[in-house]
Amino acid sequence: MAQITIYLPDSVEKEARKAAKADKKSVSRWIADRVRAELGDTWPKEVLDALGAAPDFPSAVDLRKGYGRDLPRELLE
């Protein structure tokens, strides 16, 4: 695992320590989780927790019915 040094204003460091303690994590883990969340391409935890909450919600296939075929995509070079 890589190590990195960051510089924070004292007030930010104090708040980060409080937040990490509230989450029962080390400051390092708490910051790493925040960076991962910022860079990640997944849905937020609240959205993932809500999956399946509406059992009668139509599937993606059903939602796309009747839209026809996609247009050809242009190439990015």
Protein backbone atom coordinates (compact mmCIF):
# COMPACT_ATOMS: atom_id res chain seq x y z
CA MET A 1 0.00 0.00 0.00
CA ALA A 2 1.32 3.43 -0.92
CA GLN A 3 1.91 6.20 1.58
CA ILE A 4 1.26 9.87 0.94
CA THR A 5 1.78 13.00 3.00
CA ILE A 6 -0.90 15.67 3.04
CA TYR A 7 -1.03 19.01 4.79
CA LEU A 8 -4.29 20.12 6.37
CA PRO A 9 -5.24 23.25 8.24
CA ASP A 10 -5.49 22.52 11.97
CA SER A 11 -9.26 22.97 11.94
CA VAL A 12 -9.69 20.45 9.10
CA GLU A 13 -7.42 17.94 10.81
CA LYS A 14 -9.46 18.26 14.01
CA GLU A 15 -12.73 17.68 12.16
CA ALA A 16 -11.25 14.73 10.23
CA ARG A 17 -10.16 13.11 13.49
CA LYS A 18 -13.65 13.57 14.95
CA ALA A 19 -15.30 12.10 11.86
CA ALA A 20 -12.91 9.14 11.80
CA LYS A 21 -13.55 8.44 15.47
CA ALA A 22 -17.32 8.62 14.91
CA ASP A 23 -16.95 6.07 12.08
CA LYS A 24 -14.69 3.91 14.31
CA LYS A 25 -11.86 4.15 11.78
CA SER A 26 -8.30 5.37 11.80
CA VAL A 27 -7.79 8.79 10.26
CA SER A 28 -5.79 7.16 7.48
CA ARG A 29 -8.61 4.71 6.65
CA TRP A 30 -11.23 7.46 6.88
CA ILE A 31 -9.32 9.69 4.44
CA ALA A 32 -8.63 6.75 2.09
CA ASP A 33 -12.35 5.92 2.07
CA ARG A 34 -13.22 9.53 1.24
CA VAL A 35 -10.71 9.63 -1.62
CA ARG A 36 -11.98 6.28 -2.93
CA ALA A 37 -15.57 7.55 -2.81
CA GLU A 38 -14.62 10.73 -4.65
CA LEU A 39 -12.77 8.83 -7.38
CA GLY A 40 -15.06 5.84 -7.55
CA ASP A 41 -17.60 5.14 -10.22
CA THR A 42 -20.09 3.28 -8.08
CA TRP A 43 -23.42 4.45 -6.77
CA PRO A 44 -23.52 6.04 -3.31
CA LYS A 45 -24.16 3.64 -0.40
CA GLU A 46 -27.65 5.08 0.12
CA VAL A 47 -28.60 4.20 -3.46
CA LEU A 48 -27.14 0.69 -3.18
CA ASP A 49 -29.02 0.18 0.11
CA ALA A 50 -32.27 1.13 -1.63
CA LEU A 51 -31.88 -1.52 -4.34
CA GLY A 52 -34.78 -3.93 -4.21
CA ALA A 53 -36.86 -1.56 -2.07
CA ALA A 54 -39.45 -1.35 -4.87
CA PRO A 55 -40.01 -4.99 -5.92
CA ASP A 56 -42.47 -4.06 -8.69
CA PHE A 57 -40.08 -1.58 -10.36
CA PRO A 58 -39.55 -2.58 -14.02
CA SER A 59 -36.24 -4.06 -15.14
CA ALA A 60 -33.82 -2.17 -17.39
CA VAL A 61 -34.90 -4.36 -20.31
CA ASP A 62 -38.56 -3.47 -19.73
CA LEU A 63 -37.72 0.23 -19.41
CA ARG A 64 -35.91 0.20 -22.77
CA LYS A 65 -38.67 -1.56 -24.72
CA GLY A 66 -40.03 0.51 -27.58
CA TYR A 67 -37.04 2.83 -27.89
CA GLY A 68 -35.68 1.18 -31.02
CA ARG A 69 -32.06 0.61 -31.93
CA ASP A 70 -29.25 2.91 -30.84
CA LEU A 71 -27.66 5.13 -33.44
CA PRO A 72 -24.10 4.29 -34.48
CA ARG A 73 -21.57 5.86 -32.14
CA GLU A 74 -18.82 8.09 -33.45
CA LEU A 75 -15.25 6.95 -32.85
CA LEU A 76 -13.12 8.83 -30.35
CA GLU A 77 -9.53 9.00 -31.49
